[in-house]
Amino acid sequence: MDGYTDSPWRRLVRQFSPENMLYSEMRHISCIANESGALKALNFEQMERPLNFQITVNELRIDCIEAVVERIEAKGVDAIDINIACPARNVVKSQSGSALMVDIDFLEKVLRRIKVVASVPVTVKMRAGFKEKNALDVVRLVENCGIAAIAIHPRLQSAKFSGEPDYSLVAEIKQAISIPLLYSGGIHTFEDAQSVYERTGVDGFLIGRGMFGQPWKLAELQALSEGKEYNISLEQQLEVAIQHLHFVVDYYGQDGLYAFRKHLASYVSGFENASRVRERLIRLDSKEVLEKELRACVGMKRD
């Protein structure tokens, strides 16, 4: 979710969902320790809370982990998440992300050092395993380290985001631990969440890719869970996209136009001539012109 779950996006989501826990982009502790690319990630508004700040770590910079936790907490976050789930090649190559599931002795050292200094709840996001499934061993370790909650994406690192999730593993983990278990991976609709709940009994869900171009998705899922309808018109959808455009330009400056482009495909997806419209919009290099073109899309029809 790097480049997606930034401060402008979270502020947009928060307008629809005032109480759900939101997650930051994942940052390696070395970035935070060196005050490099993490400074922007640590720059958020209080309205984005409750906020869970995601970090990952490897053996090279574990010496600074206490100072990093203190720096993050000083910004006013509500929880800190240790990401041992990210399957990205560059992350795994640095022995971070899901590669941390390989050496659980080192993982234990990381978790215990964080717990000593952290004054906010610490959570862990994980996978079924790296190349082999060892999630049951990992969750028992995580719980013994005093972690507040676990989120699992039940695929191996090698599977990335493809293949059938291992629902039986999630159900087994749910029975093996007493702390909350959240499910992550492929939740796009209320029916998806309902099906996973019936098969696993999890305590909640993380929604990531299912929210692309739909910052109202959490509100929609909440409404449907209560037996209510949730509808958003094309005009409202495009107004949200325009607001998002303003947020990213205010936050990043001119670079915000490039940050916004990754969201454009999702905002216009499902509409007549969507691919042609998208190709035209991503070439625009003026906020004013892009806003004008988005407003002109109101007359489009849904496919």
C-alpha atoms as a PDB file:
ATOM      1  CA  MET A   1       0.000   0.000   0.000  1.00  0.00           C
ATOM      2  CA  ASP A   2       3.036   2.264  -0.188  1.00  0.00           C
ATOM      3  CA  GLY A   3       2.082   5.440  -2.005  1.00  0.00           C
ATOM      4  CA  TYR A   4      -1.620   4.868  -1.352  1.00  0.00           C
ATOM      5  CA  THR A   5      -2.338   5.032   2.381  1.00  0.00           C
ATOM      6  CA  ASP A   6      -0.739   8.434   2.860  1.00  0.00           C
ATOM      7  CA  SER A   7      -2.081  11.381   4.835  1.00  0.00           C
ATOM      8  CA  PRO A   8      -4.272  12.827   2.022  1.00  0.00           C
ATOM      9  CA  TRP A   9      -5.899   9.449   1.510  1.00  0.00           C
ATOM     10  CA  ARG A  10      -6.512   8.897   5.217  1.00  0.00           C
ATOM     11  CA  ARG A  11      -8.094  12.346   5.572  1.00  0.00           C
ATOM     12  CA  LEU A  12     -10.435  11.475   2.718  1.00  0.00           C
ATOM     13  CA  VAL A  13     -11.361   8.124   4.279  1.00  0.00           C
ATOM     14  CA  ARG A  14     -11.880   9.742   7.669  1.00  0.00           C
ATOM     15  CA  GLN A  15     -14.699  11.898   6.303  1.00  0.00           C
ATOM     16  CA  PHE A  16     -16.709   8.735   5.689  1.00  0.00           C
ATOM     17  CA  SER A  17     -15.445   6.643   8.602  1.00  0.00           C
ATOM     18  CA  PRO A  18     -14.706   8.702  11.717  1.00  0.00           C
ATOM     19  CA  GLU A  19     -13.907   5.794  14.052  1.00  0.00           C
ATOM     20  CA  ASN A  20     -12.172   2.989  12.121  1.00  0.00           C
ATOM     21  CA  MET A  21      -8.490   2.376  12.806  1.00  0.00           C
ATOM     22  CA  LEU A  22      -6.422   3.554   9.829  1.00  0.00           C
ATOM     23  CA  TYR A  23      -2.900   2.393   8.966  1.00  0.00           C
ATOM     24  CA  SER A  24       0.049   4.415   7.756  1.00  0.00           C
ATOM     25  CA  GLU A  25       2.285   3.404   4.903  1.00  0.00           C
ATOM     26  CA  MET A  26       4.978   0.964   5.998  1.00  0.00           C
ATOM     27  CA  ARG A  27       8.362   2.489   6.750  1.00  0.00           C
ATOM     28  CA  HIS A  28      11.647   0.784   7.615  1.00  0.00           C
ATOM     29  CA  ILE A  29      13.021   1.896  10.965  1.00  0.00           C
ATOM     30  CA  SER A  30      16.238   3.081   9.327  1.00  0.00           C
ATOM     31  CA  CYS A  31      14.259   5.732   7.394  1.00  0.00           C
ATOM     32  CA  ILE A  32      12.777   7.012  10.629  1.00  0.00           C
ATOM     33  CA  ALA A  33      16.079   6.883  12.468  1.00  0.00           C
ATOM     34  CA  ASN A  34      17.824   8.814   9.687  1.00  0.00           C
ATOM     35  CA  GLU A  35      14.908  11.250   9.283  1.00  0.00           C
ATOM     36  CA  SER A  36      14.877  10.585   5.547  1.00  0.00           C
ATOM     37  CA  GLY A  37      11.771   9.557   3.593  1.00  0.00           C
ATOM     38  CA  ALA A  38       9.883   8.806   6.798  1.00  0.00           C
ATOM     39  CA  LEU A  39       9.518  12.450   7.746  1.00  0.00           C
ATOM     40  CA  LYS A  40       6.618  12.868   5.317  1.00  0.00           C
ATOM     41  CA  ALA A  41       4.986   9.689   6.595  1.00  0.00           C
ATOM     42  CA  LEU A  42       5.227  11.022  10.152  1.00  0.00           C
ATOM     43  CA  ASN A  43       3.526  14.257   9.101  1.00  0.00           C
ATOM     44  CA  PHE A  44      -0.163  13.616   9.664  1.00  0.00           C
ATOM     45  CA  GLU A  45      -3.156  15.420  11.118  1.00  0.00           C
ATOM     46  CA  GLN A  46      -4.897  14.500  14.342  1.00  0.00           C
ATOM     47  CA  MET A  47      -8.162  13.914  12.467  1.00  0.00           C
ATOM     48  CA  GLU A  48      -6.534  10.823  10.951  1.00  0.00           C
ATOM     49  CA  ARG A  49      -6.520   9.128  14.328  1.00  0.00           C
ATOM     50  CA  PRO A  50      -6.976   6.452  15.488  1.00  0.00           C
ATOM     51  CA  LEU A  51      -3.834   5.666  13.499  1.00  0.00           C
ATOM     52  CA  ASN A  52      -1.662   2.557  13.499  1.00  0.00           C
ATOM     53  CA  PHE A  53       1.853   3.346  12.261  1.00  0.00           C
ATOM     54  CA  GLN A  54       3.454   0.521  10.252  1.00  0.00           C
ATOM     55  CA  ILE A  55       7.154  -0.266  10.526  1.00  0.00           C
ATOM     56  CA  THR A  56       9.451  -3.059   9.497  1.00  0.00           C
ATOM     57  CA  VAL A  57      12.973  -3.872  10.584  1.00  0.00           C
ATOM     58  CA  ASN A  58      16.006  -5.998   9.808  1.00  0.00           C
ATOM     59  CA  GLU A  59      19.096  -6.941  11.777  1.00  0.00           C
ATOM     60  CA  LEU A  60      21.201  -4.077  10.430  1.00  0.00           C
ATOM     61  CA  ARG A  61      19.373  -1.326  12.325  1.00  0.00           C
ATOM     62  CA  ILE A  62      17.814  -3.081  15.302  1.00  0.00           C
ATOM     63  CA  ASP A  63      20.123  -0.998  17.510  1.00  0.00           C
ATOM     64  CA  CYS A  64      17.938   2.071  16.927  1.00  0.00           C
ATOM     65  CA  ILE A  65      14.553   0.462  17.362  1.00  0.00           C
ATOM     66  CA  GLU A  66      13.855   1.963  20.798  1.00  0.00           C
ATOM     67  CA  ALA A  67      14.617   5.495  19.581  1.00  0.00           C
ATOM     68  CA  VAL A  68      12.403   4.946  16.529  1.00  0.00           C
ATOM     69  CA  VAL A  69       9.465   3.804  18.636  1.00  0.00           C
ATOM     70  CA  GLU A  70       9.829   6.869  20.851  1.00  0.00           C
ATOM     71  CA  ARG A  71       9.949   9.162  17.801  1.00  0.00           C
ATOM     72  CA  ILE A  72       6.796   7.611  16.350  1.00  0.00           C
ATOM     73  CA  GLU A  73       4.928   7.809  19.638  1.00  0.00           C
ATOM     74  CA  ALA A  74       5.912  11.449  20.043  1.00  0.00           C
ATOM     75  CA  LYS A  75       3.818  12.185  16.936  1.00  0.00           C
ATOM     76  CA  GLY A  76       0.678  10.954  18.678  1.00  0.00           C
ATOM     77  CA  VAL A  77      -0.095   7.589  17.076  1.00  0.00           C
ATOM     78  CA  ASP A  78      -2.509   5.135  18.686  1.00  0.00           C
ATOM     79  CA  ALA A  79      -0.695   1.890  17.869  1.00  0.00           C
ATOM     80  CA  ILE A  80       2.448   0.604  16.160  1.00  0.00           C
ATOM     81  CA  ASP A  81       2.278  -2.264  13.684  1.00  0.00           C
ATOM     82  CA  ILE A  82       5.229  -4.552  12.958  1.00  0.00           C
ATOM     83  CA  ASN A  83       4.845  -5.623   9.349  1.00  0.00           C
ATOM     84  CA  ILE A  84       6.115  -9.149   8.734  1.00  0.00           C
ATOM     85  CA  ALA A  85       3.742  -9.605   5.791  1.00  0.00           C
ATOM     86  CA  CYS A  86       5.016  -7.383   2.959  1.00  0.00           C
ATOM     87  CA  PRO A  87       6.014  -9.615   0.001  1.00  0.00           C
ATOM     88  CA  ALA A  88       7.669  -6.891  -2.128  1.00  0.00           C
ATOM     89  CA  ARG A  89      10.963  -7.987  -3.640  1.00  0.00           C
ATOM     90  CA  ASN A  90      13.013  -4.998  -2.484  1.00  0.00           C
ATOM     91  CA  VAL A  91      11.655  -5.344   1.068  1.00  0.00           C
ATOM     92  CA  VAL A  92      12.301  -9.079   1.243  1.00  0.00           C
ATOM     93  CA  LYS A  93      15.769  -8.628  -0.246  1.00  0.00           C
ATOM     94  CA  SER A  94      16.664  -6.436   2.736  1.00  0.00           C
ATOM     95  CA  GLN A  95      15.491  -9.220   5.073  1.00  0.00           C
ATOM     96  CA  SER A  96      12.479  -7.154   6.150  1.00  0.00           C
ATOM     97  CA  GLY A  97       8.739  -7.613   5.710  1.00  0.00           C
ATOM     98  CA  SER A  98       7.691 -11.242   5.265  1.00  0.00           C
ATOM     99  CA  ALA A  99      11.348 -12.347   5.391  1.00  0.00           C
ATOM    100  CA  LEU A 100      11.099 -11.789   9.160  1.00  0.00           C
ATOM    101  CA  MET A 101       8.940 -14.922   9.373  1.00  0.00           C
ATOM    102  CA  VAL A 102      11.958 -17.055   8.515  1.00  0.00           C
ATOM    103  CA  ASP A 103      13.971 -16.312  11.672  1.00  0.00           C
ATOM    104  CA  ILE A 104      11.506 -16.333  14.558  1.00  0.00           C
ATOM    105  CA  ASP A 105      14.290 -16.055  17.143  1.00  0.00           C
ATOM    106  CA  PHE A 106      15.206 -12.673  15.675  1.00  0.00           C
ATOM    107  CA  LEU A 107      11.533 -11.775  15.410  1.00  0.00           C
ATOM    108  CA  GLU A 108      11.118 -12.488  19.112  1.00  0.00           C
ATOM    109  CA  LYS A 109      14.043 -10.205  19.905  1.00  0.00           C
ATOM    110  CA  VAL A 110      12.463  -7.418  17.840  1.00  0.00           C
ATOM    111  CA  LEU A 111       9.053  -7.763  19.464  1.00  0.00           C
ATOM    112  CA  ARG A 112      10.379  -7.888  23.009  1.00  0.00           C
ATOM    113  CA  ARG A 113      12.567  -4.819  22.495  1.00  0.00           C
ATOM    114  CA  ILE A 114       9.644  -2.871  21.081  1.00  0.00           C
ATOM    115  CA  LYS A 115       7.331  -3.931  23.896  1.00  0.00           C
ATOM    116  CA  VAL A 116       9.795  -2.697  26.528  1.00  0.00           C
ATOM    117  CA  VAL A 117       9.632   0.889  25.255  1.00  0.00           C
ATOM    118  CA  ALA A 118       6.193   1.130  23.600  1.00  0.00           C
ATOM    119  CA  SER A 119       3.416   2.800  25.573  1.00  0.00           C
ATOM    120  CA  VAL A 120       0.788   2.240  22.852  1.00  0.00           C
ATOM    121  CA  PRO A 121      -0.558  -1.155  21.717  1.00  0.00           C
ATOM    122  CA  VAL A 122       1.723  -3.074  19.362  1.00  0.00           C
ATOM    123  CA  THR A 123       0.195  -5.186  16.588  1.00  0.00           C
ATOM    124  CA  VAL A 124       1.653  -7.564  13.998  1.00  0.00           C
ATOM    125  CA  LYS A 125       0.665  -8.070  10.380  1.00  0.00           C
ATOM    126  CA  MET A 126       1.839 -11.411   8.955  1.00  0.00           C
ATOM    127  CA  ARG A 127       1.396 -14.005   6.224  1.00  0.00           C
ATOM    128  CA  ALA A 128       0.924 -17.765   6.243  1.00  0.00           C
ATOM    129  CA  GLY A 129       4.693 -17.959   6.012  1.00  0.00           C
ATOM    130  CA  PHE A 130       7.613 -17.108   3.758  1.00  0.00           C
ATOM    131  CA  LYS A 131       8.324 -20.129   1.557  1.00  0.00           C
ATOM    132  CA  GLU A 132       6.754 -22.576   4.026  1.00  0.00           C
ATOM    133  CA  LYS A 133       3.748 -22.189   6.297  1.00  0.00           C
ATOM    134  CA  ASN A 134       4.804 -21.511   9.870  1.00  0.00           C
ATOM    135  CA  ALA A 135       2.066 -19.100  10.891  1.00  0.00           C
ATOM    136  CA  LEU A 136       0.925 -21.180  13.866  1.00  0.00           C
ATOM    137  CA  ASP A 137       4.403 -21.076  15.407  1.00  0.00           C
ATOM    138  CA  VAL A 138       4.642 -17.343  14.737  1.00  0.00           C
ATOM    139  CA  VAL A 139       1.251 -16.430  16.226  1.00  0.00           C
ATOM    140  CA  ARG A 140       2.023 -18.306  19.426  1.00  0.00           C
ATOM    141  CA  LEU A 141       5.309 -16.436  19.705  1.00  0.00           C
ATOM    142  CA  VAL A 142       3.616 -13.129  18.949  1.00  0.00           C
ATOM    143  CA  GLU A 143       0.974 -13.661  21.616  1.00  0.00           C
ATOM    144  CA  ASN A 144       3.609 -14.671  24.181  1.00  0.00           C
ATOM    145  CA  CYS A 145       5.443 -11.406  23.477  1.00  0.00           C
ATOM    146  CA  GLY A 146       2.419  -9.404  24.585  1.00  0.00           C
ATOM    147  CA  ILE A 147       1.259  -8.227  21.172  1.00  0.00           C
ATOM    148  CA  ALA A 148      -2.251  -6.742  21.215  1.00  0.00           C
ATOM    149  CA  ALA A 149      -3.628  -8.117  17.923  1.00  0.00           C
ATOM    150  CA  ILE A 150      -2.607 -10.009  14.812  1.00  0.00           C
ATOM    151  CA  ALA A 151      -3.627  -9.494  11.183  1.00  0.00           C
ATOM    152  CA  ILE A 152      -3.000 -12.333   8.750  1.00  0.00           C
ATOM    153  CA  HIS A 153      -2.896 -12.510   4.978  1.00  0.00           C
ATOM    154  CA  PRO A 154      -3.141 -16.298   4.556  1.00  0.00           C
ATOM    155  CA  ARG A 155      -0.854 -16.742   1.584  1.00  0.00           C
ATOM    156  CA  LEU A 156       2.875 -17.422   1.404  1.00  0.00           C
ATOM    157  CA  GLN A 157       5.251 -14.641   0.406  1.00  0.00           C
ATOM    158  CA  SER A 158       5.958 -16.533  -2.800  1.00  0.00           C
ATOM    159  CA  ALA A 159       2.249 -16.386  -3.738  1.00  0.00           C
ATOM    160  CA  LYS A 160       2.138 -12.576  -3.375  1.00  0.00           C
ATOM    161  CA  PHE A 161      -1.583 -11.815  -3.929  1.00  0.00           C
ATOM    162  CA  SER A 162      -2.545 -14.773  -6.131  1.00  0.00           C
ATOM    163  CA  GLY A 163      -3.940 -18.207  -5.415  1.00  0.00           C
ATOM    164  CA  GLU A 164      -6.536 -19.367  -2.922  1.00  0.00           C
ATOM    165  CA  PRO A 165      -6.119 -18.001   0.622  1.00  0.00           C
ATOM    166  CA  ASP A 166      -5.771 -20.690   3.305  1.00  0.00           C
ATOM    167  CA  TYR A 167      -8.998 -20.141   5.224  1.00  0.00           C
ATOM    168  CA  SER A 168      -8.563 -23.322   7.257  1.00  0.00           C
ATOM    169  CA  LEU A 169      -5.262 -21.979   8.574  1.00  0.00           C
ATOM    170  CA  VAL A 170      -6.980 -18.762   9.672  1.00  0.00           C
ATOM    171  CA  ALA A 171      -9.678 -20.746  11.476  1.00  0.00           C
ATOM    172  CA  GLU A 172      -7.008 -22.841  13.206  1.00  0.00           C
ATOM    173  CA  ILE A 173      -5.130 -19.740  14.317  1.00  0.00           C
ATOM    174  CA  LYS A 174      -8.346 -18.186  15.632  1.00  0.00           C
ATOM    175  CA  GLN A 175      -8.793 -21.199  17.900  1.00  0.00           C
ATOM    176  CA  ALA A 176      -5.129 -21.190  18.990  1.00  0.00           C
ATOM    177  CA  ILE A 177      -4.877 -17.620  20.322  1.00  0.00           C
ATOM    178  CA  SER A 178      -6.841 -15.404  22.685  1.00  0.00           C
ATOM    179  CA  ILE A 179      -5.920 -11.997  21.223  1.00  0.00           C
ATOM    180  CA  PRO A 180      -7.931 -10.465  18.337  1.00  0.00           C
ATOM    181  CA  LEU A 181      -7.286 -11.883  14.874  1.00  0.00           C
ATOM    182  CA  LEU A 182      -7.915  -9.738  11.796  1.00  0.00           C
ATOM    183  CA  TYR A 183      -8.154 -11.019   8.237  1.00  0.00           C
ATOM    184  CA  SER A 184      -6.364  -9.313   5.348  1.00  0.00           C
ATOM    185  CA  GLY A 185      -6.528 -10.080   1.657  1.00  0.00           C
ATOM    186  CA  GLY A 186      -9.136  -9.799  -1.087  1.00  0.00           C
ATOM    187  CA  ILE A 187     -11.993  -8.185   0.829  1.00  0.00           C
ATOM    188  CA  HIS A 188     -13.830  -6.045  -1.726  1.00  0.00           C
ATOM    189  CA  THR A 189     -17.478  -6.500  -0.780  1.00  0.00           C
ATOM    190  CA  PHE A 190     -19.617  -7.183   2.266  1.00  0.00           C
ATOM    191  CA  GLU A 191     -20.253 -10.650   0.845  1.00  0.00           C
ATOM    192  CA  ASP A 192     -16.482 -11.280   0.831  1.00  0.00           C
ATOM    193  CA  ALA A 193     -16.226 -10.314   4.494  1.00  0.00           C
ATOM    194  CA  GLN A 194     -19.297 -12.330   5.461  1.00  0.00           C
ATOM    195  CA  SER A 195     -17.978 -15.424   3.709  1.00  0.00           C
ATOM    196  CA  VAL A 196     -14.558 -15.170   5.373  1.00  0.00           C
ATOM    197  CA  TYR A 197     -16.144 -14.617   8.777  1.00  0.00           C
ATOM    198  CA  GLU A 198     -18.337 -17.688   8.403  1.00  0.00           C
ATOM    199  CA  ARG A 199     -15.305 -19.796   7.467  1.00  0.00           C
ATOM    200  CA  THR A 200     -12.857 -18.451  10.033  1.00  0.00           C
ATOM    201  CA  GLY A 201     -14.578 -16.571  12.879  1.00  0.00           C
ATOM    202  CA  VAL A 202     -12.087 -13.686  12.718  1.00  0.00           C
ATOM    203  CA  ASP A 203     -12.599 -10.583  14.834  1.00  0.00           C
ATOM    204  CA  GLY A 204     -12.261  -8.032  12.044  1.00  0.00           C
ATOM    205  CA  PHE A 205     -10.798  -7.153   8.660  1.00  0.00           C
ATOM    206  CA  LEU A 206      -8.118  -5.038   7.055  1.00  0.00           C
ATOM    207  CA  ILE A 207      -9.246  -3.492   3.771  1.00  0.00           C
ATOM    208  CA  GLY A 208      -6.494  -2.374   1.406  1.00  0.00           C
ATOM    209  CA  ARG A 209      -6.746  -2.786  -2.346  1.00  0.00           C
ATOM    210  CA  GLY A 210     -10.513  -3.093  -2.036  1.00  0.00           C
ATOM    211  CA  MET A 211     -10.609   0.610  -1.182  1.00  0.00           C
ATOM    212  CA  PHE A 212      -8.768   1.891  -4.256  1.00  0.00           C
ATOM    213  CA  GLY A 213     -10.877   4.713  -5.672  1.00  0.00           C
ATOM    214  CA  GLN A 214     -13.478   4.074  -2.974  1.00  0.00           C
ATOM    215  CA  PRO A 215     -12.563   5.930   0.238  1.00  0.00           C
ATOM    216  CA  TRP A 216     -16.169   5.389   1.319  1.00  0.00           C
ATOM    217  CA  LYS A 217     -15.707   1.585   1.323  1.00  0.00           C
ATOM    218  CA  LEU A 218     -15.482   1.221   5.122  1.00  0.00           C
ATOM    219  CA  ALA A 219     -18.689   3.214   5.549  1.00  0.00           C
ATOM    220  CA  GLU A 220     -20.345   1.083   2.884  1.00  0.00           C
ATOM    221  CA  LEU A 221     -19.335  -2.167   4.586  1.00  0.00           C
ATOM    222  CA  GLN A 222     -20.513  -0.866   7.947  1.00  0.00           C
ATOM    223  CA  ALA A 223     -23.901   0.125   6.540  1.00  0.00           C
ATOM    224  CA  LEU A 224     -24.393  -3.222   4.803  1.00  0.00           C
ATOM    225  CA  SER A 225     -23.438  -5.088   7.990  1.00  0.00           C
ATOM    226  CA  GLU A 226     -26.320  -3.248   9.681  1.00  0.00           C
ATOM    227  CA  GLY A 227     -28.776  -4.173   6.938  1.00  0.00           C
ATOM    228  CA  LYS A 228     -28.808  -0.692   5.446  1.00  0.00           C
ATOM    229  CA  GLU A 229     -28.304   0.377   1.833  1.00  0.00           C
ATOM    230  CA  TYR A 230     -25.316   2.430   0.770  1.00  0.00           C
ATOM    231  CA  ASN A 231     -25.259   4.285  -2.539  1.00  0.00           C
ATOM    232  CA  ILE A 232     -22.968   6.903  -3.996  1.00  0.00           C
ATOM    233  CA  SER A 233     -23.709   8.634  -7.285  1.00  0.00           C
ATOM    234  CA  LEU A 234     -21.250   9.215 -10.108  1.00  0.00           C
ATOM    235  CA  GLU A 235     -21.377  12.926  -9.355  1.00  0.00           C
ATOM    236  CA  GLN A 236     -20.515  12.303  -5.696  1.00  0.00           C
ATOM    237  CA  GLN A 237     -17.760   9.898  -6.695  1.00  0.00           C
ATOM    238  CA  LEU A 238     -16.134  12.483  -8.943  1.00  0.00           C
ATOM    239  CA  GLU A 239     -16.477  15.185  -6.263  1.00  0.00           C
ATOM    240  CA  VAL A 240     -14.546  12.892  -3.910  1.00  0.00           C
ATOM    241  CA  ALA A 241     -11.880  12.427  -6.596  1.00  0.00           C
ATOM    242  CA  ILE A 242     -11.571  16.216  -6.962  1.00  0.00           C
ATOM    243  CA  GLN A 243     -11.262  16.638  -3.214  1.00  0.00           C
ATOM    244  CA  HIS A 244      -8.554  13.979  -3.209  1.00  0.00           C
ATOM    245  CA  LEU A 245      -6.750  15.887  -5.942  1.00  0.00           C
ATOM    246  CA  HIS A 246      -6.760  19.034  -3.793  1.00  0.00           C
ATOM    247  CA  PHE A 247      -5.519  17.120  -0.755  1.00  0.00           C
ATOM    248  CA  VAL A 248      -2.524  15.580  -2.542  1.00  0.00           C
ATOM    249  CA  VAL A 249      -1.470  18.863  -4.200  1.00  0.00           C
ATOM    250  CA  ASP A 250      -1.721  20.698  -0.877  1.00  0.00           C
ATOM    251  CA  TYR A 251       0.361  17.957   0.761  1.00  0.00           C
ATOM    252  CA  TYR A 252       2.991  17.244  -1.924  1.00  0.00           C
ATOM    253  CA  GLY A 253       2.955  20.386  -4.051  1.00  0.00           C
ATOM    254  CA  GLN A 254       3.205  19.857  -7.811  1.00  0.00           C
ATOM    255  CA  ASP A 255       4.353  16.271  -7.180  1.00  0.00           C
ATOM    256  CA  GLY A 256       0.854  15.643  -5.897  1.00  0.00           C
ATOM    257  CA  LEU A 257      -0.357  15.424  -9.486  1.00  0.00           C
ATOM    258  CA  TYR A 258       1.867  12.392  -9.999  1.00  0.00           C
ATOM    259  CA  ALA A 259       0.774  10.909  -6.664  1.00  0.00           C
ATOM    260  CA  PHE A 260      -2.846  11.302  -7.741  1.00  0.00           C
ATOM    261  CA  ARG A 261      -2.388   9.497 -11.047  1.00  0.00           C
ATOM    262  CA  LYS A 262      -2.213   6.090  -9.377  1.00  0.00           C
ATOM    263  CA  HIS A 263      -5.728   6.672  -8.032  1.00  0.00           C
ATOM    264  CA  LEU A 264      -7.269   7.909 -11.291  1.00  0.00           C
ATOM    265  CA  ALA A 265      -7.820   4.474 -12.807  1.00  0.00           C
ATOM    266  CA  SER A 266      -9.898   3.401  -9.827  1.00  0.00           C
ATOM    267  CA  TYR A 267     -11.993   6.568  -9.734  1.00  0.00           C
ATOM    268  CA  VAL A 268     -13.077   6.237 -13.379  1.00  0.00           C
ATOM    269  CA  SER A 269     -13.195   2.443 -13.471  1.00  0.00           C
ATOM    270  CA  GLY A 270     -16.496   0.907 -14.467  1.00  0.00           C
ATOM    271  CA  PHE A 271     -17.647   3.795 -16.616  1.00  0.00           C
ATOM    272  CA  GLU A 272     -18.170   4.137 -20.349  1.00  0.00           C
ATOM    273  CA  ASN A 273     -14.877   4.547 -22.252  1.00  0.00           C
ATOM    274  CA  ALA A 274     -13.001   4.426 -18.909  1.00  0.00           C
ATOM    275  CA  SER A 275      -9.648   3.415 -20.409  1.00  0.00           C
ATOM    276  CA  ARG A 276      -9.720   6.246 -22.971  1.00  0.00           C
ATOM    277  CA  VAL A 277     -10.728   8.773 -20.290  1.00  0.00           C
ATOM    278  CA  ARG A 278      -7.951   7.545 -17.999  1.00  0.00           C
ATOM    279  CA  GLU A 279      -5.335   7.818 -20.718  1.00  0.00           C
ATOM    280  CA  ARG A 280      -6.340  11.425 -21.325  1.00  0.00           C
ATOM    281  CA  LEU A 281      -6.463  12.409 -17.660  1.00  0.00           C
ATOM    282  CA  ILE A 282      -3.068  11.022 -16.660  1.00  0.00           C
ATOM    283  CA  ARG A 283      -1.352  13.239 -19.234  1.00  0.00           C
ATOM    284  CA  LEU A 284      -2.630  16.453 -17.657  1.00  0.00           C
ATOM    285  CA  ASP A 285      -0.091  18.439 -15.632  1.00  0.00           C
ATOM    286  CA  SER A 286      -2.318  21.163 -14.184  1.00  0.00           C
ATOM    287  CA  LYS A 287      -4.548  20.757 -11.125  1.00  0.00           C
ATOM    288  CA  GLU A 288      -7.063  23.233 -12.544  1.00  0.00           C
ATOM    289  CA  VAL A 289      -7.306  21.497 -15.907  1.00  0.00           C
ATOM    290  CA  LEU A 290      -7.534  18.064 -14.316  1.00  0.00           C
ATOM    291  CA  GLU A 291     -10.338  19.239 -12.020  1.00  0.00           C
ATOM    292  CA  LYS A 292     -12.197  20.695 -14.993  1.00  0.00           C
ATOM    293  CA  GLU A 293     -11.868  17.422 -16.919  1.00  0.00           C
ATOM    294  CA  LEU A 294     -13.073  15.390 -13.942  1.00  0.00           C
ATOM    295  CA  ARG A 295     -16.141  17.582 -13.640  1.00  0.00           C
ATOM    296  CA  ALA A 296     -16.781  17.031 -17.335  1.00  0.00           C
ATOM    297  CA  CYS A 297     -16.956  13.274 -16.641  1.00  0.00           C
ATOM    298  CA  VAL A 298     -20.240  13.630 -14.747  1.00  0.00           C
ATOM    299  CA  GLY A 299     -22.205  12.817 -17.877  1.00  0.00           C
ATOM    300  CA  MET A 300     -20.503   9.450 -18.357  1.00  0.00           C
ATOM    301  CA  LYS A 301     -22.587   6.284 -18.125  1.00  0.00           C
ATOM    302  CA  ARG A 302     -21.737   3.169 -16.165  1.00  0.00           C
ATOM    303  CA  ASP A 303     -20.792   0.134 -18.235  1.00  0.00           C
END
